[in-house]
Amino acid sequence: QVQLVESGGGLVQAGGSLRLSCAASGRTFSSYVMGWFRQAPGKEREFVANINWGGTGTHYADSVKGRFTISRDTAKNRVYLQMNSLKLEDTAVYYCNARQRDEYWGQGTQVTVSS
């Protein structure tokens, strides 16, 4: 059974940092593009960042460039999202995503940024 399990969310003050982690299991994800998406209340799910299978190619939404960093540990089947300089507008449920010919989603982890 394929599972993506996110952790690391929580409540943080604006300007603070959080590190999200996604543990993938049930198959080998070394050839998958791994990514993070988020969904704020009343809004559609949006792309945040992704990383290729080799960990050498990353892409970021303009809204998080320079603040967020995605990384992966292929041997451990884990992907991370380091979030610095958090803003109120970063408040959302963050979802881990794995994509190749098929696609998988985690259940999400809540990130709340307070003033």
C-alpha atoms as a PDB file:
ATOM      1  CA  GLN A   1       0.000   0.000   0.000  1.00  0.00           C
ATOM      2  CA  VAL A   2       1.444   3.313  -1.095  1.00  0.00           C
ATOM      3  CA  GLN A   3       1.486   6.002   1.556  1.00  0.00           C
ATOM      4  CA  LEU A   4       2.756   9.535   1.800  1.00  0.00           C
ATOM      5  CA  VAL A   5       2.735  10.815   5.375  1.00  0.00           C
ATOM      6  CA  GLU A   6       3.486  14.441   6.120  1.00  0.00           C
ATOM      7  CA  SER A   7       4.702  15.778   9.443  1.00  0.00           C
ATOM      8  CA  GLY A   8       6.204  18.937  10.873  1.00  0.00           C
ATOM      9  CA  GLY A   9       3.308  21.314  10.552  1.00  0.00           C
ATOM     10  CA  GLY A  10       2.156  23.540  13.364  1.00  0.00           C
ATOM     11  CA  LEU A  11       1.656  27.069  14.613  1.00  0.00           C
ATOM     12  CA  VAL A  12       4.452  29.581  14.104  1.00  0.00           C
ATOM     13  CA  GLN A  13       4.777  33.338  14.294  1.00  0.00           C
ATOM     14  CA  ALA A  14       5.352  35.380  11.193  1.00  0.00           C
ATOM     15  CA  GLY A  15       9.033  35.437  10.353  1.00  0.00           C
ATOM     16  CA  GLY A  16       9.589  32.024  11.873  1.00  0.00           C
ATOM     17  CA  SER A  17      10.543  28.705  10.328  1.00  0.00           C
ATOM     18  CA  LEU A  18       9.168  25.211   9.996  1.00  0.00           C
ATOM     19  CA  ARG A  19      10.465  22.072   8.360  1.00  0.00           C
ATOM     20  CA  LEU A  20       7.966  19.707   6.792  1.00  0.00           C
ATOM     21  CA  SER A  21       8.791  16.099   6.161  1.00  0.00           C
ATOM     22  CA  CYS A  22       7.125  13.557   3.913  1.00  0.00           C
ATOM     23  CA  ALA A  23       7.728   9.849   4.431  1.00  0.00           C
ATOM     24  CA  ALA A  24       6.919   7.719   1.402  1.00  0.00           C
ATOM     25  CA  SER A  25       6.333   3.996   1.634  1.00  0.00           C
ATOM     26  CA  GLY A  26       4.868   1.130  -0.313  1.00  0.00           C
ATOM     27  CA  ARG A  27       7.115   1.385  -3.332  1.00  0.00           C
ATOM     28  CA  THR A  28      10.363   2.925  -4.515  1.00  0.00           C
ATOM     29  CA  PHE A  29      10.001   6.614  -5.287  1.00  0.00           C
ATOM     30  CA  SER A  30      13.485   7.225  -6.581  1.00  0.00           C
ATOM     31  CA  SER A  31      12.240   7.942 -10.107  1.00  0.00           C
ATOM     32  CA  TYR A  32       9.311  10.094  -9.038  1.00  0.00           C
ATOM     33  CA  VAL A  33       9.103  13.847  -9.052  1.00  0.00           C
ATOM     34  CA  MET A  34       8.338  14.750  -5.456  1.00  0.00           C
ATOM     35  CA  GLY A  35       6.573  17.944  -4.589  1.00  0.00           C
ATOM     36  CA  TRP A  36       4.641  20.044  -2.128  1.00  0.00           C
ATOM     37  CA  PHE A  37       1.311  21.719  -2.710  1.00  0.00           C
ATOM     38  CA  ARG A  38      -0.844  23.753  -0.355  1.00  0.00           C
ATOM     39  CA  GLN A  39      -4.451  24.711   0.033  1.00  0.00           C
ATOM     40  CA  ALA A  40      -5.638  27.690   2.030  1.00  0.00           C
ATOM     41  CA  PRO A  41      -9.249  27.978   3.237  1.00  0.00           C
ATOM     42  CA  GLY A  42     -11.540  28.924   0.385  1.00  0.00           C
ATOM     43  CA  LYS A  43      -8.807  28.605  -2.206  1.00  0.00           C
ATOM     44  CA  GLU A  44      -7.732  25.982  -4.695  1.00  0.00           C
ATOM     45  CA  ARG A  45      -4.770  23.751  -4.107  1.00  0.00           C
ATOM     46  CA  GLU A  46      -1.624  25.359  -5.478  1.00  0.00           C
ATOM     47  CA  PHE A  47       1.872  24.267  -6.359  1.00  0.00           C
ATOM     48  CA  VAL A  48       4.628  25.162  -3.905  1.00  0.00           C
ATOM     49  CA  ALA A  49       7.783  23.309  -4.965  1.00  0.00           C
ATOM     50  CA  ASN A  50       9.052  20.115  -6.527  1.00  0.00           C
ATOM     51  CA  ILE A  51      12.284  18.235  -6.977  1.00  0.00           C
ATOM     52  CA  ASN A  52      13.344  15.720  -9.590  1.00  0.00           C
ATOM     53  CA  TRP A  53      14.392  12.176  -8.961  1.00  0.00           C
ATOM     54  CA  GLY A  54      18.084  13.003  -8.793  1.00  0.00           C
ATOM     55  CA  GLY A  55      17.584  15.925  -6.464  1.00  0.00           C
ATOM     56  CA  THR A  56      19.373  18.207  -8.889  1.00  0.00           C
ATOM     57  CA  GLY A  57      16.383  20.034 -10.319  1.00  0.00           C
ATOM     58  CA  THR A  58      14.000  22.096  -8.243  1.00  0.00           C
ATOM     59  CA  HIS A  59      11.127  24.417  -9.041  1.00  0.00           C
ATOM     60  CA  TYR A  60       9.350  26.881  -6.811  1.00  0.00           C
ATOM     61  CA  ALA A  61       6.258  28.995  -6.909  1.00  0.00           C
ATOM     62  CA  ASP A  62       7.152  32.660  -7.163  1.00  0.00           C
ATOM     63  CA  SER A  63       5.482  33.293  -3.819  1.00  0.00           C
ATOM     64  CA  VAL A  64       7.981  31.098  -1.950  1.00  0.00           C
ATOM     65  CA  LYS A  65      11.199  31.579  -3.904  1.00  0.00           C
ATOM     66  CA  GLY A  66      14.083  32.551  -1.671  1.00  0.00           C
ATOM     67  CA  ARG A  67      12.196  31.484   1.461  1.00  0.00           C
ATOM     68  CA  PHE A  68      11.433  27.778   0.977  1.00  0.00           C
ATOM     69  CA  THR A  69      13.838  24.989   0.106  1.00  0.00           C
ATOM     70  CA  ILE A  70      12.844  21.518  -1.042  1.00  0.00           C
ATOM     71  CA  SER A  71      15.169  18.564  -0.660  1.00  0.00           C
ATOM     72  CA  ARG A  72      14.980  14.803  -0.746  1.00  0.00           C
ATOM     73  CA  ASP A  73      16.702  11.782   0.686  1.00  0.00           C
ATOM     74  CA  THR A  74      16.104   9.124  -1.934  1.00  0.00           C
ATOM     75  CA  ALA A  75      17.641   6.351   0.160  1.00  0.00           C
ATOM     76  CA  LYS A  76      15.147   7.074   2.934  1.00  0.00           C
ATOM     77  CA  ASN A  77      12.205   7.798   0.629  1.00  0.00           C
ATOM     78  CA  ARG A  78      11.772  11.191   2.240  1.00  0.00           C
ATOM     79  CA  VAL A  79      11.250  14.698   0.958  1.00  0.00           C
ATOM     80  CA  TYR A  80      11.512  17.860   3.002  1.00  0.00           C
ATOM     81  CA  LEU A  81      10.343  21.449   2.789  1.00  0.00           C
ATOM     82  CA  GLN A  82      12.313  23.978   4.808  1.00  0.00           C
ATOM     83  CA  MET A  83      10.182  27.072   5.222  1.00  0.00           C
ATOM     84  CA  ASN A  84      11.818  30.274   6.438  1.00  0.00           C
ATOM     85  CA  SER A  85      10.556  33.824   6.825  1.00  0.00           C
ATOM     86  CA  LEU A  86       7.009  32.557   7.025  1.00  0.00           C
ATOM     87  CA  LYS A  87       4.212  34.962   6.212  1.00  0.00           C
ATOM     88  CA  LEU A  88       0.554  35.034   7.186  1.00  0.00           C
ATOM     89  CA  GLU A  89      -0.339  34.078   3.631  1.00  0.00           C
ATOM     90  CA  ASP A  90       1.616  30.843   3.955  1.00  0.00           C
ATOM     91  CA  THR A  91      -1.116  29.510   6.225  1.00  0.00           C
ATOM     92  CA  ALA A  92      -2.539  26.411   4.558  1.00  0.00           C
ATOM     93  CA  VAL A  93      -2.712  22.653   4.584  1.00  0.00           C
ATOM     94  CA  TYR A  94       0.471  21.374   2.936  1.00  0.00           C
ATOM     95  CA  TYR A  95       0.336  18.205   0.875  1.00  0.00           C
ATOM     96  CA  CYS A  96       3.113  15.937  -0.265  1.00  0.00           C
ATOM     97  CA  ASN A  97       2.888  14.714  -3.862  1.00  0.00           C
ATOM     98  CA  ALA A  98       4.669  11.998  -5.817  1.00  0.00           C
ATOM     99  CA  ARG A  99       4.280  11.958  -9.586  1.00  0.00           C
ATOM    100  CA  GLN A 100       5.446   9.800 -12.435  1.00  0.00           C
ATOM    101  CA  ARG A 101       2.997   8.026 -14.737  1.00  0.00           C
ATOM    102  CA  ASP A 102       0.853   7.642 -11.621  1.00  0.00           C
ATOM    103  CA  GLU A 103       0.373  10.100  -8.806  1.00  0.00           C
ATOM    104  CA  TYR A 104       0.014   9.938  -5.045  1.00  0.00           C
ATOM    105  CA  TRP A 105      -0.984  12.415  -2.345  1.00  0.00           C
ATOM    106  CA  GLY A 106      -0.518  12.597   1.375  1.00  0.00           C
ATOM    107  CA  GLN A 107      -3.253  13.519   3.818  1.00  0.00           C
ATOM    108  CA  GLY A 108      -1.809  16.961   4.515  1.00  0.00           C
ATOM    109  CA  THR A 109      -0.355  18.812   7.469  1.00  0.00           C
ATOM    110  CA  GLN A 110      -1.624  22.142   8.764  1.00  0.00           C
ATOM    111  CA  VAL A 111       0.688  25.145   8.839  1.00  0.00           C
ATOM    112  CA  THR A 112      -0.648  28.214  10.607  1.00  0.00           C
ATOM    113  CA  VAL A 113       1.311  31.460  10.648  1.00  0.00           C
ATOM    114  CA  SER A 114       0.208  34.008  13.241  1.00  0.00           C
ATOM    115  CA  SER A 115       0.978  37.696  13.579  1.00  0.00           C
END
